[in-house]
C-alpha atoms as a PDB file:
ATOM      1  CA  MET A   1     103.375  92.208 189.325  1.00  0.00           C
ATOM      2  CA  MET A   2     102.032  89.893 186.603  1.00  0.00           C
ATOM      3  CA  LEU A   3     101.169  91.972 183.540  1.00  0.00           C
ATOM      4  CA  SER A   4      97.512  92.147 182.507  1.00  0.00           C
ATOM      5  CA  GLU A   5      98.363  91.998 178.794  1.00  0.00           C
ATOM      6  CA  SER A   6     101.312  91.595 176.478  1.00  0.00           C
ATOM      7  CA  PRO A   7     103.488  94.722 176.327  1.00  0.00           C
ATOM      8  CA  GLU A   8     104.149  94.126 172.614  1.00  0.00           C
ATOM      9  CA  LYS A   9     102.732  96.973 170.538  1.00  0.00           C
ATOM     10  CA  ILE A  10     103.695  95.577 167.113  1.00  0.00           C
ATOM     11  CA  ALA A  11     102.941  92.114 165.753  1.00  0.00           C
ATOM     12  CA  THR A  12     106.125  90.080 166.210  1.00  0.00           C
ATOM     13  CA  ARG A  13     107.259  86.637 165.041  1.00  0.00           C
ATOM     14  CA  VAL A  14     110.307  84.904 166.459  1.00  0.00           C
ATOM     15  CA  PHE A  15     112.057  82.261 164.349  1.00  0.00           C
ATOM     16  CA  GLU A  16     114.594  79.650 165.340  1.00  0.00           C
ATOM     17  CA  SER A  17     117.217  81.260 163.101  1.00  0.00           C
ATOM     18  CA  SER A  18     117.767  84.230 160.810  1.00  0.00           C
ATOM     19  CA  GLU A  19     117.857  81.797 157.884  1.00  0.00           C
ATOM     20  CA  LYS A  20     114.333  80.543 158.563  1.00  0.00           C
ATOM     21  CA  ALA A  21     113.120  84.089 159.181  1.00  0.00           C
ATOM     22  CA  SER A  22     114.609  85.251 155.872  1.00  0.00           C
ATOM     23  CA  VAL A  23     112.940  82.408 153.982  1.00  0.00           C
ATOM     24  CA  PHE A  24     109.612  83.490 155.486  1.00  0.00           C
ATOM     25  CA  VAL A  25     110.027  87.132 154.406  1.00  0.00           C
ATOM     26  CA  ALA A  26     111.183  86.144 150.917  1.00  0.00           C
ATOM     27  CA  GLN A  27     108.142  83.896 150.538  1.00  0.00           C
ATOM     28  CA  GLN A  28     105.803  86.735 151.547  1.00  0.00           C
ATOM     29  CA  ILE A  29     107.371  88.904 148.850  1.00  0.00           C
ATOM     30  CA  ALA A  30     107.188  86.119 146.261  1.00  0.00           C
ATOM     31  CA  ASP A  31     103.534  85.427 147.063  1.00  0.00           C
ATOM     32  CA  LEU A  32     102.634  89.084 146.496  1.00  0.00           C
ATOM     33  CA  ILE A  33     104.591  89.241 143.230  1.00  0.00           C
ATOM     34  CA  LYS A  34     102.669  86.204 141.952  1.00  0.00           C
ATOM     35  CA  GLN A  35      99.351  87.631 143.147  1.00  0.00           C
ATOM     36  CA  ARG A  36     100.027  90.865 141.270  1.00  0.00           C
ATOM     37  CA  GLN A  37     100.961  88.858 138.178  1.00  0.00           C
ATOM     38  CA  ARG A  38      97.597  87.094 138.285  1.00  0.00           C
ATOM     39  CA  GLU A  39      95.935  90.507 138.610  1.00  0.00           C
ATOM     40  CA  LYS A  40      98.129  91.817 135.749  1.00  0.00           C
ATOM     41  CA  LYS A  41      99.446  94.563 138.050  1.00  0.00           C
ATOM     42  CA  MET A  42     102.863  95.811 139.115  1.00  0.00           C
ATOM     43  CA  CYS A  43     104.284  94.918 142.512  1.00  0.00           C
ATOM     44  CA  VAL A  44     106.147  97.772 144.237  1.00  0.00           C
ATOM     45  CA  LEU A  45     108.851  96.858 146.745  1.00  0.00           C
ATOM     46  CA  GLY A  46     110.757  99.070 149.162  1.00  0.00           C
ATOM     47  CA  LEU A  47     114.200  97.546 149.664  1.00  0.00           C
ATOM     48  CA  ALA A  48     116.872  97.842 152.334  1.00  0.00           C
ATOM     49  CA  THR A  49     120.614  97.216 152.420  1.00  0.00           C
ATOM     50  CA  GLY A  50     123.105  96.107 155.069  1.00  0.00           C
ATOM     51  CA  SER A  51     123.680  92.613 156.420  1.00  0.00           C
ATOM     52  CA  THR A  52     120.095  92.021 157.592  1.00  0.00           C
ATOM     53  CA  PRO A  53     118.314  91.465 154.233  1.00  0.00           C
ATOM     54  CA  THR A  54     121.113  89.616 152.428  1.00  0.00           C
ATOM     55  CA  ARG A  55     119.619  86.168 153.011  1.00  0.00           C
ATOM     56  CA  VAL A  56     116.199  87.440 151.873  1.00  0.00           C
ATOM     57  CA  TYR A  57     117.767  88.496 148.577  1.00  0.00           C
ATOM     58  CA  ALA A  58     119.537  85.143 148.240  1.00  0.00           C
ATOM     59  CA  GLU A  59     116.193  83.395 148.696  1.00  0.00           C
ATOM     60  CA  LEU A  60     114.547  85.631 146.086  1.00  0.00           C
ATOM     61  CA  VAL A  61     117.332  84.834 143.616  1.00  0.00           C
ATOM     62  CA  ASP A  62     116.784  81.136 144.309  1.00  0.00           C
ATOM     63  CA  LEU A  63     113.035  81.528 143.758  1.00  0.00           C
ATOM     64  CA  HIS A  64     113.770  83.271 140.450  1.00  0.00           C
ATOM     65  CA  LYS A  65     115.892  80.303 139.373  1.00  0.00           C
ATOM     66  CA  LYS A  66     112.859  78.141 140.145  1.00  0.00           C
ATOM     67  CA  GLY A  67     110.626  80.240 137.905  1.00  0.00           C
ATOM     68  CA  LEU A  68     109.612  83.421 139.755  1.00  0.00           C
ATOM     69  CA  SER A  69     109.657  86.401 137.370  1.00  0.00           C
ATOM     70  CA  PHE A  70     110.380  89.951 138.521  1.00  0.00           C
ATOM     71  CA  ARG A  71     109.299  91.659 135.305  1.00  0.00           C
ATOM     72  CA  ASN A  72     106.252  93.115 137.046  1.00  0.00           C
ATOM     73  CA  VAL A  73     108.312  94.440 139.979  1.00  0.00           C
ATOM     74  CA  ILE A  74     109.251  98.063 140.675  1.00  0.00           C
ATOM     75  CA  THR A  75     111.763  98.733 143.448  1.00  0.00           C
ATOM     76  CA  PHE A  76     112.637 101.770 145.538  1.00  0.00           C
ATOM     77  CA  ASN A  77     115.648 101.583 147.803  1.00  0.00           C
ATOM     78  CA  LEU A  78     115.555 103.279 151.177  1.00  0.00           C
ATOM     79  CA  ASP A  79     118.807 105.165 151.092  1.00  0.00           C
ATOM     80  CA  GLU A  80     122.341 105.789 149.882  1.00  0.00           C
ATOM     81  CA  TYR A  81     125.423 107.393 151.405  1.00  0.00           C
ATOM     82  CA  TYR A  82     126.314 110.873 150.165  1.00  0.00           C
ATOM     83  CA  PRO A  83     128.593 111.397 148.391  1.00  0.00           C
ATOM     84  CA  MET A  84     128.973 107.914 146.946  1.00  0.00           C
ATOM     85  CA  GLN A  85     130.228 106.680 143.578  1.00  0.00           C
ATOM     86  CA  PRO A  86     127.900 103.918 142.303  1.00  0.00           C
ATOM     87  CA  GLN A  87     130.846 101.606 141.579  1.00  0.00           C
ATOM     88  CA  SER A  88     132.404 102.026 145.057  1.00  0.00           C
ATOM     89  CA  LEU A  89     132.671  98.967 147.285  1.00  0.00           C
ATOM     90  CA  GLN A  90     130.324 100.564 149.834  1.00  0.00           C
ATOM     91  CA  SER A  91     127.765 101.790 147.305  1.00  0.00           C
ATOM     92  CA  TYR A  92     124.209 100.566 147.780  1.00  0.00           C
ATOM     93  CA  VAL A  93     123.840 100.583 143.989  1.00  0.00           C
ATOM     94  CA  ARG A  94     126.639  98.030 143.783  1.00  0.00           C
ATOM     95  CA  PHE A  95     125.241  96.108 146.783  1.00  0.00           C
ATOM     96  CA  MET A  96     121.798  95.731 145.235  1.00  0.00           C
ATOM     97  CA  HIS A  97     123.106  94.695 141.833  1.00  0.00           C
ATOM     98  CA  GLU A  98     125.554  92.155 143.228  1.00  0.00           C
ATOM     99  CA  LEU A  99     123.080  90.568 145.626  1.00  0.00           C
ATOM    100  CA  LEU A 100     119.820  90.807 143.680  1.00  0.00           C
ATOM    101  CA  PHE A 101     119.299  92.815 140.515  1.00  0.00           C
ATOM    102  CA  ASP A 102     122.014  91.172 138.394  1.00  0.00           C
ATOM    103  CA  HIS A 103     120.504  87.747 139.106  1.00  0.00           C
ATOM    104  CA  ILE A 104     116.817  88.342 138.302  1.00  0.00           C
ATOM    105  CA  ASP A 105     114.816  89.540 135.307  1.00  0.00           C
ATOM    106  CA  ILE A 106     113.741  92.914 136.703  1.00  0.00           C
ATOM    107  CA  LEU A 107     113.657  95.707 134.112  1.00  0.00           C
ATOM    108  CA  PRO A 108     116.473  98.230 134.737  1.00  0.00           C
ATOM    109  CA  SER A 109     113.989 101.083 134.281  1.00  0.00           C
ATOM    110  CA  ASN A 110     112.035  99.747 137.275  1.00  0.00           C
ATOM    111  CA  ILE A 111     114.993 100.057 139.679  1.00  0.00           C
ATOM    112  CA  HIS A 112     115.195 103.220 141.796  1.00  0.00           C
ATOM    113  CA  ILE A 113     118.058 103.994 144.193  1.00  0.00           C
ATOM    114  CA  PRO A 114     118.944 107.435 145.617  1.00  0.00           C
ATOM    115  CA  ASP A 115     121.742 109.051 143.603  1.00  0.00           C
ATOM    116  CA  GLY A 116     124.841 109.579 145.728  1.00  0.00           C
ATOM    117  CA  MET A 117     126.611 111.595 143.022  1.00  0.00           C
ATOM    118  CA  LEU A 118     124.164 114.470 142.603  1.00  0.00           C
ATOM    119  CA  PRO A 119     125.401 118.040 143.020  1.00  0.00           C
ATOM    120  CA  LYS A 120     124.178 119.347 146.376  1.00  0.00           C
ATOM    121  CA  ASP A 121     121.965 121.948 144.748  1.00  0.00           C
ATOM    122  CA  LYS A 122     120.096 119.176 142.882  1.00  0.00           C
ATOM    123  CA  ILE A 123     119.320 116.991 145.905  1.00  0.00           C
ATOM    124  CA  GLY A 124     116.143 118.791 146.981  1.00  0.00           C
ATOM    125  CA  ALA A 125     114.567 118.397 143.546  1.00  0.00           C
ATOM    126  CA  PHE A 126     115.708 114.765 143.338  1.00  0.00           C
ATOM    127  CA  CYS A 127     114.088 113.937 146.687  1.00  0.00           C
ATOM    128  CA  LYS A 128     110.776 115.490 145.625  1.00  0.00           C
ATOM    129  CA  ALA A 129     110.931 113.535 142.368  1.00  0.00           C
ATOM    130  CA  TYR A 130     111.652 110.298 144.300  1.00  0.00           C
ATOM    131  CA  GLU A 131     108.498 110.800 146.368  1.00  0.00           C
ATOM    132  CA  LYS A 132     106.539 111.517 143.176  1.00  0.00           C
ATOM    133  CA  GLN A 133     107.858 108.353 141.501  1.00  0.00           C
ATOM    134  CA  ILE A 134     106.723 106.250 144.466  1.00  0.00           C
ATOM    135  CA  ALA A 135     103.262 107.807 144.326  1.00  0.00           C
ATOM    136  CA  GLU A 136     102.994 107.370 140.550  1.00  0.00           C
ATOM    137  CA  ALA A 137     103.931 103.685 140.926  1.00  0.00           C
ATOM    138  CA  GLY A 138     100.906 103.303 143.182  1.00  0.00           C
ATOM    139  CA  GLY A 139     102.751 103.390 146.503  1.00  0.00           C
ATOM    140  CA  ILE A 140     104.925 100.724 148.087  1.00  0.00           C
ATOM    141  CA  ASP A 141     103.252  97.337 148.594  1.00  0.00           C
ATOM    142  CA  ILE A 142     105.910  95.768 150.829  1.00  0.00           C
ATOM    143  CA  GLN A 143     108.676  97.674 152.598  1.00  0.00           C
ATOM    144  CA  ILE A 144     111.471  95.664 154.199  1.00  0.00           C
ATOM    145  CA  LEU A 145     113.580  97.250 156.921  1.00  0.00           C
ATOM    146  CA  GLY A 146     116.523  96.526 159.132  1.00  0.00           C
ATOM    147  CA  VAL A 147     117.055  98.572 162.274  1.00  0.00           C
ATOM    148  CA  GLY A 148     120.184 100.286 163.545  1.00  0.00           C
ATOM    149  CA  ARG A 149     121.415 100.399 167.139  1.00  0.00           C
ATOM    150  CA  THR A 150     120.124 103.975 167.400  1.00  0.00           C
ATOM    151  CA  GLY A 151     116.685 102.796 166.292  1.00  0.00           C
ATOM    152  CA  HIS A 152     117.093 104.268 162.826  1.00  0.00           C
ATOM    153  CA  ILE A 153     115.065 102.886 159.929  1.00  0.00           C
ATOM    154  CA  GLY A 154     116.525 103.778 156.599  1.00  0.00           C
ATOM    155  CA  PHE A 155     118.888 106.554 157.653  1.00  0.00           C
ATOM    156  CA  ASN A 156     116.216 108.294 159.726  1.00  0.00           C
ATOM    157  CA  GLU A 157     118.344 109.060 162.759  1.00  0.00           C
ATOM    158  CA  PRO A 158     117.102 110.024 166.263  1.00  0.00           C
ATOM    159  CA  GLY A 159     115.075 113.232 166.066  1.00  0.00           C
ATOM    160  CA  SER A 160     113.493 112.380 162.705  1.00  0.00           C
ATOM    161  CA  SER A 161     109.869 113.446 162.355  1.00  0.00           C
ATOM    162  CA  GLU A 162     107.091 110.920 161.864  1.00  0.00           C
ATOM    163  CA  ARG A 163     106.025 112.995 158.849  1.00  0.00           C
ATOM    164  CA  SER A 164     109.499 113.245 157.288  1.00  0.00           C
ATOM    165  CA  VAL A 165     109.917 112.533 153.574  1.00  0.00           C
ATOM    166  CA  THR A 166     112.873 111.706 151.321  1.00  0.00           C
ATOM    167  CA  ARG A 167     115.719 114.088 152.111  1.00  0.00           C
ATOM    168  CA  MET A 168     119.437 114.430 152.836  1.00  0.00           C
ATOM    169  CA  ILE A 169     120.413 113.849 156.467  1.00  0.00           C
ATOM    170  CA  THR A 170     123.520 113.953 158.662  1.00  0.00           C
ATOM    171  CA  LEU A 171     124.518 110.538 159.967  1.00  0.00           C
ATOM    172  CA  ASP A 172     124.571 109.897 163.715  1.00  0.00           C
ATOM    173  CA  GLN A 173     127.971 109.175 165.272  1.00  0.00           C
ATOM    174  CA  VAL A 174     126.867 105.668 166.331  1.00  0.00           C
ATOM    175  CA  THR A 175     125.811 104.904 162.755  1.00  0.00           C
ATOM    176  CA  ARG A 176     129.179 106.038 161.432  1.00  0.00           C
ATOM    177  CA  VAL A 177     131.037 103.937 164.010  1.00  0.00           C
ATOM    178  CA  ASP A 178     128.955 100.892 163.056  1.00  0.00           C
ATOM    179  CA  ALA A 179     129.796 101.453 159.376  1.00  0.00           C
ATOM    180  CA  ALA A 180     133.518 102.020 159.993  1.00  0.00           C
ATOM    181  CA  SER A 181     134.580  98.464 159.153  1.00  0.00           C
ATOM    182  CA  ASP A 182     132.952  98.743 155.723  1.00  0.00           C
ATOM    183  CA  PHE A 183     134.920 101.911 154.986  1.00  0.00           C
ATOM    184  CA  PHE A 184     138.293 100.841 156.456  1.00  0.00           C
ATOM    185  CA  GLY A 185     137.990 103.396 159.256  1.00  0.00           C
ATOM    186  CA  GLU A 186     135.423 105.757 160.723  1.00  0.00           C
ATOM    187  CA  GLU A 187     137.157 108.746 159.157  1.00  0.00           C
ATOM    188  CA  ASN A 188     136.216 107.408 155.702  1.00  0.00           C
ATOM    189  CA  VAL A 189     132.489 107.028 156.416  1.00  0.00           C
ATOM    190  CA  PRO A 190     130.435 109.722 154.650  1.00  0.00           C
ATOM    191  CA  ARG A 191     128.803 112.207 157.004  1.00  0.00           C
ATOM    192  CA  ASN A 192     125.596 112.420 154.996  1.00  0.00           C
ATOM    193  CA  ALA A 193     123.071 110.193 153.273  1.00  0.00           C
ATOM    194  CA  ILE A 194     119.902 110.479 151.206  1.00  0.00           C
ATOM    195  CA  THR A 195     117.050 108.553 152.788  1.00  0.00           C
ATOM    196  CA  MET A 196     113.335 107.944 152.471  1.00  0.00           C
ATOM    197  CA  GLY A 197     111.556 109.636 155.360  1.00  0.00           C
ATOM    198  CA  VAL A 198     109.698 107.991 158.227  1.00  0.00           C
ATOM    199  CA  GLY A 199     106.475 109.267 156.676  1.00  0.00           C
ATOM    200  CA  THR A 200     107.435 107.713 153.338  1.00  0.00           C
ATOM    201  CA  ILE A 201     108.045 104.352 155.016  1.00  0.00           C
ATOM    202  CA  LEU A 202     104.779 104.490 156.966  1.00  0.00           C
ATOM    203  CA  ARG A 203     102.794 104.923 153.744  1.00  0.00           C
ATOM    204  CA  ALA A 204     103.787 101.398 152.634  1.00  0.00           C
ATOM    205  CA  ARG A 205     100.877  98.976 152.721  1.00  0.00           C
ATOM    206  CA  GLN A 206     102.880  96.299 154.529  1.00  0.00           C
ATOM    207  CA  ILE A 207     106.169  96.515 156.445  1.00  0.00           C
ATOM    208  CA  PHE A 208     108.571  93.808 157.591  1.00  0.00           C
ATOM    209  CA  MET A 209     111.182  95.007 160.093  1.00  0.00           C
ATOM    210  CA  MET A 210     113.883  92.374 160.517  1.00  0.00           C
ATOM    211  CA  ALA A 211     116.615  92.049 163.138  1.00  0.00           C
ATOM    212  CA  TRP A 212     119.158  89.327 163.841  1.00  0.00           C
ATOM    213  CA  GLY A 213     121.552  88.754 166.709  1.00  0.00           C
ATOM    214  CA  GLU A 214     121.912  89.642 170.364  1.00  0.00           C
ATOM    215  CA  GLY A 215     123.333  93.066 169.542  1.00  0.00           C
ATOM    216  CA  LYS A 216     119.939  94.153 168.212  1.00  0.00           C
ATOM    217  CA  ALA A 217     117.986  92.867 171.247  1.00  0.00           C
ATOM    218  CA  PRO A 218     117.921  96.183 173.188  1.00  0.00           C
ATOM    219  CA  VAL A 219     116.633  98.289 170.290  1.00  0.00           C
ATOM    220  CA  VAL A 220     114.147  95.575 169.281  1.00  0.00           C
ATOM    221  CA  GLN A 221     112.690  95.611 172.797  1.00  0.00           C
ATOM    222  CA  ARG A 222     112.299  99.390 172.664  1.00  0.00           C
ATOM    223  CA  ALA A 223     110.751  99.220 169.184  1.00  0.00           C
ATOM    224  CA  VAL A 224     108.207  96.566 170.127  1.00  0.00           C
ATOM    225  CA  GLU A 225     107.442  97.348 173.775  1.00  0.00           C
ATOM    226  CA  GLY A 226     108.626 100.896 174.445  1.00  0.00           C
ATOM    227  CA  PRO A 227     106.908 104.269 174.115  1.00  0.00           C
ATOM    228  CA  ILE A 228     106.781 106.048 170.762  1.00  0.00           C
ATOM    229  CA  THR A 229     109.522 108.660 170.557  1.00  0.00           C
ATOM    230  CA  ASP A 230     111.375 110.445 167.788  1.00  0.00           C
ATOM    231  CA  GLN A 231     114.593 109.559 169.614  1.00  0.00           C
ATOM    232  CA  ILE A 232     114.013 105.942 168.546  1.00  0.00           C
ATOM    233  CA  PRO A 233     112.492 106.306 165.055  1.00  0.00           C
ATOM    234  CA  CYS A 234     111.581 102.617 164.701  1.00  0.00           C
ATOM    235  CA  THR A 235     108.980 103.109 167.461  1.00  0.00           C
ATOM    236  CA  PHE A 236     106.862 105.014 164.924  1.00  0.00           C
ATOM    237  CA  LEU A 237     106.120 101.609 163.371  1.00  0.00           C
ATOM    238  CA  GLN A 238     103.747 101.041 166.309  1.00  0.00           C
ATOM    239  CA  ARG A 239     101.340 103.379 164.514  1.00  0.00           C
ATOM    240  CA  HIS A 240     101.393 101.371 161.284  1.00  0.00           C
ATOM    241  CA  PRO A 241      98.433  98.978 160.935  1.00  0.00           C
ATOM    242  CA  ASN A 242     100.272  96.242 159.024  1.00  0.00           C
ATOM    243  CA  THR A 243     103.820  95.925 160.349  1.00  0.00           C
ATOM    244  CA  LEU A 244     105.391  92.613 161.318  1.00  0.00           C
ATOM    245  CA  VAL A 245     108.649  92.484 163.271  1.00  0.00           C
ATOM    246  CA  VAL A 246     110.605  89.381 162.219  1.00  0.00           C
ATOM    247  CA  LEU A 247     113.326  88.183 164.603  1.00  0.00           C
ATOM    248  CA  ASP A 248     115.683  85.354 165.324  1.00  0.00           C
ATOM    249  CA  GLN A 249     115.830  84.102 168.908  1.00  0.00           C
ATOM    250  CA  ALA A 250     118.862  86.200 169.833  1.00  0.00           C
ATOM    251  CA  ALA A 251     117.310  89.479 168.651  1.00  0.00           C
ATOM    252  CA  ALA A 252     114.132  88.622 170.577  1.00  0.00           C
ATOM    253  CA  SER A 253     115.954  87.852 173.823  1.00  0.00           C
ATOM    254  CA  ASN A 254     114.982  91.105 175.591  1.00  0.00           C
ATOM    255  CA  LEU A 255     111.260  90.828 174.830  1.00  0.00           C
ATOM    256  CA  THR A 256     109.174  90.191 177.933  1.00  0.00           C
ATOM    257  CA  ARG A 257     107.751  86.921 176.577  1.00  0.00           C
ATOM    258  CA  ILE A 258     111.304  85.595 176.139  1.00  0.00           C
ATOM    259  CA  LYS A 259     113.179  87.259 179.003  1.00  0.00           C
ATOM    260  CA  THR A 260     110.537  87.088 181.756  1.00  0.00           C
ATOM    261  CA  PRO A 261     107.607  84.985 180.464  1.00  0.00           C
ATOM    262  CA  TRP A 262     106.351  84.385 184.011  1.00  0.00           C
ATOM    263  CA  LEU A 263     105.182  88.016 184.068  1.00  0.00           C
ATOM    264  CA  LEU A 264     102.690  87.253 181.284  1.00  0.00           C
ATOM    265  CA  ASP A 265     101.249  83.837 182.084  1.00  0.00           C
ATOM    266  CA  SER A 266     101.762  80.597 183.948  1.00  0.00           C
ATOM    267  CA  CYS A 267     104.883  78.764 182.818  1.00  0.00           C
ATOM    268  CA  GLN A 268     105.894  75.175 182.310  1.00  0.00           C
ATOM    269  CA  TRP A 269     108.780  75.276 184.750  1.00  0.00           C
ATOM    270  CA  ASP A 270     111.898  73.287 183.961  1.00  0.00           C
ATOM    271  CA  ASP A 271     115.222  73.569 185.783  1.00  0.00           C
ATOM    272  CA  ARG A 272     116.713  76.012 183.276  1.00  0.00           C
ATOM    273  CA  LEU A 273     113.744  78.390 183.332  1.00  0.00           C
ATOM    274  CA  LEU A 274     113.527  78.203 187.122  1.00  0.00           C
ATOM    275  CA  ARG A 275     117.194  79.146 187.510  1.00  0.00           C
ATOM    276  CA  LYS A 276     116.747  82.025 185.083  1.00  0.00           C
ATOM    277  CA  ALA A 277     113.669  83.289 186.947  1.00  0.00           C
ATOM    278  CA  VAL A 278     115.235  83.038 190.400  1.00  0.00           C
ATOM    279  CA  VAL A 279     118.389  84.876 189.309  1.00  0.00           C
ATOM    280  CA  TRP A 280     116.166  87.573 187.756  1.00  0.00           C
ATOM    281  CA  LEU A 281     114.188  87.827 191.010  1.00  0.00           C
ATOM    282  CA  CYS A 282     117.403  88.227 193.031  1.00  0.00           C
ATOM    283  CA  GLN A 283     118.509  91.067 190.767  1.00  0.00           C
ATOM    284  CA  THR A 284     115.069  92.691 190.868  1.00  0.00           C
ATOM    285  CA  VAL A 285     114.581  92.673 194.663  1.00  0.00           C
ATOM    286  CA  LYS A 286     118.327  92.990 195.355  1.00  0.00           C
ATOM    287  CA  LYS A 287     118.545  89.967 197.634  1.00  0.00           C
ATOM    288  CA  PRO A 288     120.714  86.823 197.647  1.00  0.00           C
ATOM    289  CA  ILE A 289     118.942  83.593 196.724  1.00  0.00           C
ATOM    290  CA  LEU A 290     118.625  82.247 200.259  1.00  0.00           C
ATOM    291  CA  LYS A 291     116.953  85.465 201.458  1.00  0.00           C
ATOM    292  CA  LEU A 292     114.058  85.340 198.959  1.00  0.00           C
ATOM    293  CA  THR A 293     110.615  85.039 200.570  1.00  0.00           C
ATOM    294  CA  ASN A 294     107.205  83.748 199.534  1.00  0.00           C
ATOM    295  CA  GLN A 295     106.135  87.382 199.190  1.00  0.00           C
ATOM    296  CA  ASP A 296     108.997  88.139 196.794  1.00  0.00           C
ATOM    297  CA  TYR A 297     107.834  85.332 194.527  1.00  0.00           C
ATOM    298  CA  THR A 298     104.117  86.166 194.639  1.00  0.00           C
ATOM    299  CA  GLU A 299     104.668  89.899 194.074  1.00  0.00           C
ATOM    300  CA  HIS A 300     106.738  89.245 190.961  1.00  0.00           C
ATOM    301  CA  GLY A 301     104.507  86.933 188.948  1.00  0.00           C
ATOM    302  CA  MET A 302     105.946  83.682 190.321  1.00  0.00           C
ATOM    303  CA  SER A 303     103.234  82.459 192.705  1.00  0.00           C
ATOM    304  CA  ASP A 304     102.926  79.245 190.687  1.00  0.00           C
ATOM    305  CA  VAL A 305     106.541  78.468 191.640  1.00  0.00           C
ATOM    306  CA  ILE A 306     105.539  78.522 195.310  1.00  0.00           C
ATOM    307  CA  HIS A 307     102.513  76.383 194.510  1.00  0.00           C
ATOM    308  CA  GLU A 308     104.656  73.800 192.700  1.00  0.00           C
ATOM    309  CA  TRP A 309     107.568  73.588 195.158  1.00  0.00           C
ATOM    310  CA  GLY A 310     105.717  74.380 198.386  1.00  0.00           C
ATOM    311  CA  SER A 311     107.721  77.331 199.688  1.00  0.00           C
ATOM    312  CA  ALA A 312     110.359  79.895 198.855  1.00  0.00           C
ATOM    313  CA  TYR A 313     112.752  77.944 201.075  1.00  0.00           C
ATOM    314  CA  ASN A 314     112.443  74.824 198.915  1.00  0.00           C
ATOM    315  CA  VAL A 315     112.951  76.764 195.685  1.00  0.00           C
ATOM    316  CA  ASN A 316     115.858  78.744 197.092  1.00  0.00           C
ATOM    317  CA  ILE A 317     117.710  75.636 198.287  1.00  0.00           C
ATOM    318  CA  LYS A 318     117.110  73.824 194.980  1.00  0.00           C
ATOM    319  CA  VAL A 319     118.442  76.655 192.803  1.00  0.00           C
ATOM    320  CA  PHE A 320     121.268  77.535 195.210  1.00  0.00           C
ATOM    321  CA  ASN A 321     122.540  73.943 195.135  1.00  0.00           C
ATOM    322  CA  GLU A 322     122.283  73.746 191.342  1.00  0.00           C
ATOM    323  CA  LEU A 323     124.274  76.949 190.921  1.00  0.00           C
ATOM    324  CA  GLN A 324     126.786  75.891 193.570  1.00  0.00           C
ATOM    325  CA  HIS A 325     127.473  72.672 191.692  1.00  0.00           C
ATOM    326  CA  THR A 326     128.496  74.667 188.611  1.00  0.00           C
ATOM    327  CA  ILE A 327     131.444  76.124 190.530  1.00  0.00           C
ATOM    328  CA  THR A 328     134.789  74.353 190.201  1.00  0.00           C
ATOM    329  CA  GLY A 329     138.234  74.998 191.543  1.00  0.00           C
ATOM    330  CA  TRP A 330     139.787  74.235 188.185  1.00  0.00           C
ATOM    331  CA  PRO A 331     140.884  77.462 186.409  1.00  0.00           C
ATOM    332  CA  GLY A 332     139.418  76.445 183.066  1.00  0.00           C
ATOM    333  CA  GLY A 333     136.564  74.385 184.468  1.00  0.00           C
ATOM    334  CA  LYS A 334     136.506  70.655 184.911  1.00  0.00           C
END
């Protein structure tokens, strides 16, 4: 059952922490800004909101304090709730100014964020103009993304087309539940938003999709290893030639190379990894530890375990005893 090649369909880097991952992304952005300055060109950034990119913005502010100028930077934000007053606590206009724009030397005329206060009959024209502004700026050089539990990028919810452009959408119920704490209750979360389309995002020259924490692990695994489907819009990133998924260890925990590395290659077996693998094998073949056979191990990418310990019996007894010794009669542990 050992896999012939990695199931990862997007380039992926796993960092020890979200802090270190954020520093990496911020440095990539800073390097491009400086390169464009040397070329006497503008640098066009696609920016995201939410908790994921906050440390990236803090790093960029710190780099500005150390001398990085943003006067050659043009920004386009992914999305905004609709309706939304720009001064509201939940406004992405307010978010971006408080976390980034108010602390750097970017020209106000170079900042673009979807307008959450437009009359409904003006939204279609605004969205077309937003696409035109991106094109006239030369296209987006770097697009940063978070990813929602539904797999949405921007507010492109399940069912979004790969060719979709900037438009108004209806928010998925899961998205509204996830945002409820920001709005002091789900009933206060707007039902609509204006968002760049999947097609708009995919036209960026480089994309960084970031995810932190165990809660994002399932959708990250589907994004990186699963089939492309409009029901999980982030899977469309598999078709982009220059996307990097940037993760902390918790968000990467469901990837095959982290969860079951023995399916990809020979492992350096230590006690912790062996216990993890044997428990996984029990769950996979639906047998208790002491019933596992040599065949179970060899058919599930773990033949080197048999080679190292001599037999399934030896491995089974070793792991069984280790797990047994973790059991205590004390209610709170001893």
